[in-house]
């Protein structure tokens, strides 16, 4: 759509500011508004993807930290002597 609008602008010899203003370009106003909506939707989707990626990355880091803590705890439980109460001497 962007390429079609730009081709129409160049063919008409219009200035960018005039052509891409839907209030001044009634002939292409619907296409211009649709183009703006699509651009906004694309930006919104990209923000969602970035947030999803950050959340997934954080969850992966949390999982790695939990796994590392679990490995350390398992090793500690095997090597430290335990009291009858289940507590270690350390």
N, C-alpha and C. Protein backbone atom coordinates (compact mmCIF):
# COMPACT_ATOMS: atom_id res chain seq x y z
N UNK A 1 0.82 -1.18 0.00
CA UNK A 1 0.00 0.00 0.00
C UNK A 1 0.87 1.25 0.00
N UNK A 2 1.94 1.22 0.80
CA UNK A 2 2.82 2.38 0.88
C UNK A 2 3.41 2.69 -0.49
N UNK A 3 3.83 1.65 -1.19
CA UNK A 3 4.41 1.85 -2.52
C UNK A 3 3.39 2.42 -3.49
N UNK A 4 2.14 1.95 -3.40
CA UNK A 4 1.09 2.47 -4.28
C UNK A 4 0.81 3.94 -3.99
N UNK A 5 0.74 4.29 -2.72
CA UNK A 5 0.50 5.69 -2.36
C UNK A 5 1.66 6.58 -2.81
N UNK A 6 2.86 6.11 -2.62
CA UNK A 6 4.02 6.91 -3.03
C UNK A 6 4.06 7.08 -4.54
N UNK A 7 3.72 6.05 -5.28
CA UNK A 7 3.66 6.16 -6.74
C UNK A 7 2.60 7.18 -7.16
N UNK A 8 1.45 7.15 -6.49
CA UNK A 8 0.39 8.11 -6.79
C UNK A 8 0.83 9.53 -6.45
N UNK A 9 1.55 9.69 -5.35
CA UNK A 9 2.06 11.02 -4.96
C UNK A 9 3.02 11.56 -6.00
N UNK A 10 3.94 10.71 -6.42
CA UNK A 10 4.92 11.15 -7.41
C UNK A 10 4.25 11.46 -8.74
N UNK A 11 3.27 10.66 -9.13
CA UNK A 11 2.56 10.90 -10.39
C UNK A 11 1.79 12.22 -10.34
N UNK A 12 1.27 12.55 -9.16
CA UNK A 12 0.51 13.79 -9.01
C UNK A 12 1.43 14.99 -8.80
N UNK A 13 2.70 14.72 -8.47
CA UNK A 13 3.64 15.81 -8.23
C UNK A 13 3.34 16.58 -6.95
N UNK A 14 2.67 15.94 -6.01
CA UNK A 14 2.28 16.58 -4.75
C UNK A 14 3.44 16.55 -3.75
N UNK A 15 3.45 17.55 -2.89
CA UNK A 15 4.40 17.58 -1.78
C UNK A 15 4.00 16.50 -0.78
N UNK A 16 4.97 15.95 -0.08
CA UNK A 16 4.71 14.86 0.86
C UNK A 16 3.69 15.28 1.92
N UNK A 17 3.88 16.44 2.53
CA UNK A 17 2.99 16.91 3.59
C UNK A 17 1.56 17.09 3.13
N UNK A 18 1.38 17.51 1.91
CA UNK A 18 0.03 17.72 1.37
C UNK A 18 -0.59 16.39 0.99
N UNK A 19 0.15 15.56 0.27
CA UNK A 19 -0.41 14.29 -0.21
C UNK A 19 -0.78 13.36 0.93
N UNK A 20 0.06 13.25 1.94
CA UNK A 20 -0.17 12.30 3.02
C UNK A 20 -1.08 12.82 4.13
N UNK A 21 -1.65 14.01 3.95
CA UNK A 21 -2.61 14.55 4.90
C UNK A 21 -4.01 14.20 4.39
N UNK A 22 -4.71 13.28 5.07
CA UNK A 22 -6.02 12.84 4.56
C UNK A 22 -7.04 13.98 4.49
N UNK A 23 -6.84 15.05 5.24
CA UNK A 23 -7.77 16.19 5.18
C UNK A 23 -7.59 16.99 3.90
N UNK A 24 -6.38 16.92 3.33
CA UNK A 24 -6.11 17.68 2.11
C UNK A 24 -6.16 16.82 0.85
N UNK A 25 -6.22 15.50 1.02
CA UNK A 25 -6.20 14.60 -0.13
C UNK A 25 -7.42 13.68 -0.06
N UNK A 26 -8.56 14.21 -0.44
CA UNK A 26 -9.81 13.45 -0.34
C UNK A 26 -9.79 12.21 -1.21
N UNK A 27 -9.11 12.27 -2.35
CA UNK A 27 -9.08 11.15 -3.28
C UNK A 27 -8.46 9.90 -2.65
N UNK A 28 -7.42 10.08 -1.85
CA UNK A 28 -6.71 8.95 -1.25
C UNK A 28 -6.90 8.88 0.27
N UNK A 29 -7.85 9.62 0.81
CA UNK A 29 -8.02 9.72 2.27
C UNK A 29 -8.25 8.34 2.91
N UNK A 30 -9.09 7.51 2.33
CA UNK A 30 -9.37 6.19 2.92
C UNK A 30 -8.11 5.33 2.95
N UNK A 31 -7.34 5.35 1.87
CA UNK A 31 -6.09 4.57 1.83
C UNK A 31 -5.08 5.11 2.83
N UNK A 32 -5.02 6.43 2.95
CA UNK A 32 -4.08 7.04 3.89
C UNK A 32 -4.44 6.67 5.33
N UNK A 33 -5.72 6.73 5.64
CA UNK A 33 -6.16 6.37 7.00
C UNK A 33 -5.90 4.89 7.27
N UNK A 34 -6.14 4.06 6.28
CA UNK A 34 -5.87 2.62 6.44
C UNK A 34 -4.37 2.39 6.65
N UNK A 35 -3.55 3.10 5.91
CA UNK A 35 -2.11 2.98 6.06
C UNK A 35 -1.67 3.39 7.46
N UNK A 36 -2.24 4.48 7.98
CA UNK A 36 -1.91 4.92 9.34
C UNK A 36 -2.34 3.88 10.37
N UNK A 37 -3.54 3.32 10.20
CA UNK A 37 -4.03 2.30 11.13
C UNK A 37 -3.14 1.07 11.10
N UNK A 38 -2.75 0.65 9.91
CA UNK A 38 -1.88 -0.53 9.79
C UNK A 38 -0.52 -0.27 10.44
N UNK A 39 0.01 0.91 10.27
CA UNK A 39 1.30 1.26 10.88
C UNK A 39 1.18 1.23 12.40
N UNK A 40 0.09 1.80 12.94
CA UNK A 40 -0.12 1.78 14.38
C UNK A 40 -0.30 0.35 14.90
N UNK A 41 -1.03 -0.46 14.15
CA UNK A 41 -1.23 -1.86 14.55
C UNK A 41 0.08 -2.62 14.54
N UNK A 42 0.92 -2.36 13.54
CA UNK A 42 2.21 -3.02 13.47
C UNK A 42 3.08 -2.61 14.66
N UNK A 43 3.07 -1.33 15.02
CA UNK A 43 3.85 -0.87 16.17
C UNK A 43 3.34 -1.52 17.45
N UNK A 44 2.02 -1.64 17.60
CA UNK A 44 1.44 -2.28 18.77
C UNK A 44 1.84 -3.75 18.85
N UNK A 45 1.79 -4.44 17.72
CA UNK A 45 2.19 -5.85 17.70
C UNK A 45 3.66 -6.02 18.04
N UNK A 46 4.49 -5.13 17.55
CA UNK A 46 5.92 -5.21 17.86
C UNK A 46 6.17 -4.99 19.35
N UNK A 47 5.42 -4.08 19.96
CA UNK A 47 5.55 -3.86 21.41
C UNK A 47 5.14 -5.11 22.18
N UNK A 48 4.07 -5.76 21.72
CA UNK A 48 3.64 -7.00 22.37
C UNK A 48 4.69 -8.09 22.24
N UNK A 49 5.28 -8.20 21.05
CA UNK A 49 6.31 -9.21 20.82
C UNK A 49 7.52 -8.95 21.71
N UNK A 50 7.92 -7.68 21.81
CA UNK A 50 9.06 -7.33 22.66
C UNK A 50 8.76 -7.66 24.12
N UNK A 51 7.56 -7.33 24.59
CA UNK A 51 7.17 -7.63 25.98
C UNK A 51 7.14 -9.14 26.20
N UNK A 52 6.60 -9.88 25.23
CA UNK A 52 6.55 -11.34 25.33
C UNK A 52 7.97 -11.90 25.39
N UNK A 53 8.85 -11.37 24.56
CA UNK A 53 10.24 -11.83 24.54
C UNK A 53 10.94 -11.55 25.86
N UNK A 54 10.70 -10.35 26.42
CA UNK A 54 11.31 -10.03 27.72
C UNK A 54 10.77 -10.96 28.81
N UNK A 55 9.47 -11.22 28.79
CA UNK A 55 8.86 -12.10 29.79
C UNK A 55 9.42 -13.52 29.65
N UNK A 56 9.53 -14.00 28.42
CA UNK A 56 10.06 -15.35 28.19
C UNK A 56 11.51 -15.42 28.62
N UNK A 57 12.27 -14.38 28.34
CA UNK A 57 13.67 -14.35 28.73
C UNK A 57 13.80 -14.34 30.25
N UNK A 58 12.94 -13.57 30.91
CA UNK A 58 12.94 -13.53 32.37
C UNK A 58 12.56 -14.87 32.97
N UNK A 59 11.58 -15.53 32.37
CA UNK A 59 11.15 -16.84 32.85
C UNK A 59 12.27 -17.86 32.66
N UNK A 60 12.98 -17.78 31.53
CA UNK A 60 14.11 -18.69 31.30
C UNK A 60 15.19 -18.46 32.34
N UNK A 61 15.48 -17.20 32.64
CA UNK A 61 16.51 -16.87 33.62
C UNK A 61 16.07 -17.38 35.00
N UNK A 62 14.79 -17.21 35.32
CA UNK A 62 14.27 -17.70 36.60
C UNK A 62 14.40 -19.23 36.68
N UNK A 63 14.06 -19.91 35.60
CA UNK A 63 14.16 -21.37 35.57
C UNK A 63 15.61 -21.82 35.74
N UNK A 64 16.53 -21.11 35.07
CA UNK A 64 17.95 -21.47 35.21
C UNK A 64 18.42 -21.25 36.64
N UNK A 65 18.01 -20.13 37.25
CA UNK A 65 18.41 -19.84 38.63
C UNK A 65 17.85 -20.88 39.58
N UNK A 66 16.58 -21.26 39.39
CA UNK A 66 15.96 -22.27 40.25
C UNK A 66 16.65 -23.62 40.09
N UNK A 67 17.00 -23.97 38.88
CA UNK A 67 17.67 -25.25 38.63
C UNK A 67 19.05 -25.25 39.29
N UNK A 68 19.76 -24.12 39.18
CA UNK A 68 21.08 -24.01 39.79
C UNK A 68 20.97 -24.12 41.31
N UNK A 69 19.99 -23.44 41.90
CA UNK A 69 19.79 -23.51 43.35
C UNK A 69 19.44 -24.93 43.77
N UNK A 70 18.63 -25.59 42.98
CA UNK A 70 18.25 -26.96 43.29
C UNK A 70 19.46 -27.89 43.27
N UNK A 71 20.32 -27.71 42.25
CA UNK A 71 21.53 -28.53 42.17
C UNK A 71 22.44 -28.28 43.37
N UNK A 72 22.57 -27.02 43.76
CA UNK A 72 23.41 -26.70 44.92
C UNK A 72 22.84 -27.29 46.18
N UNK A 73 21.53 -27.20 46.35
CA UNK A 73 20.89 -27.75 47.55
C UNK A 73 21.02 -29.27 47.60
N UNK A 74 20.87 -29.93 46.46
CA UNK A 74 21.01 -31.39 46.45
C UNK A 74 22.41 -31.80 46.85
N UNK A 75 23.39 -31.09 46.34
CA UNK A 75 24.79 -31.39 46.69
C UNK A 75 25.06 -31.15 48.15
N UNK A 76 24.51 -30.08 48.70
CA UNK A 76 24.72 -29.75 50.09
C UNK A 76 24.08 -30.79 51.00
N UNK A 77 22.90 -31.24 50.64
CA UNK A 77 22.21 -32.22 51.46
C UNK A 77 22.96 -33.54 51.51
N UNK A 78 23.64 -33.88 50.47
CA UNK A 78 24.38 -35.16 50.43
C UNK A 78 25.69 -35.08 51.22
N UNK A 79 26.30 -33.91 51.29
CA UNK A 79 27.64 -33.82 51.88
C UNK A 79 27.65 -33.36 53.32
N UNK A 80 26.60 -32.68 53.79
CA UNK A 80 26.61 -32.20 55.17
C UNK A 80 25.95 -33.22 56.09
N UNK A 81 26.55 -33.45 57.24
CA UNK A 81 25.92 -34.37 58.19
C UNK A 81 24.62 -33.76 58.72
N UNK A 82 23.66 -34.61 59.03
CA UNK A 82 22.36 -34.14 59.47
C UNK A 82 22.11 -34.56 60.92
N UNK A 83 21.40 -33.72 61.63
CA UNK A 83 20.93 -34.06 62.99
C UNK A 83 19.67 -34.89 62.84
N UNK A 84 19.23 -35.48 63.90
CA UNK A 84 18.01 -36.28 63.86
C UNK A 84 16.79 -35.43 63.49
N UNK A 85 16.87 -34.13 63.79
CA UNK A 85 15.75 -33.23 63.47
C UNK A 85 15.67 -32.91 61.98
N UNK A 86 16.68 -33.31 61.21
CA UNK A 86 16.70 -33.02 59.79
C UNK A 86 17.50 -31.77 59.45
N UNK A 87 18.03 -31.11 60.47
CA UNK A 87 18.85 -29.93 60.24
C UNK A 87 20.32 -30.32 60.15
N UNK A 88 21.06 -29.54 59.38
CA UNK A 88 22.49 -29.84 59.27
C UNK A 88 23.26 -29.18 60.42
N UNK A 89 24.47 -29.62 60.64
CA UNK A 89 25.32 -29.04 61.68
C UNK A 89 25.75 -27.64 61.28
N UNK A 90 25.82 -27.37 60.01
CA UNK A 90 26.33 -26.09 59.52
C UNK A 90 25.37 -24.96 59.75
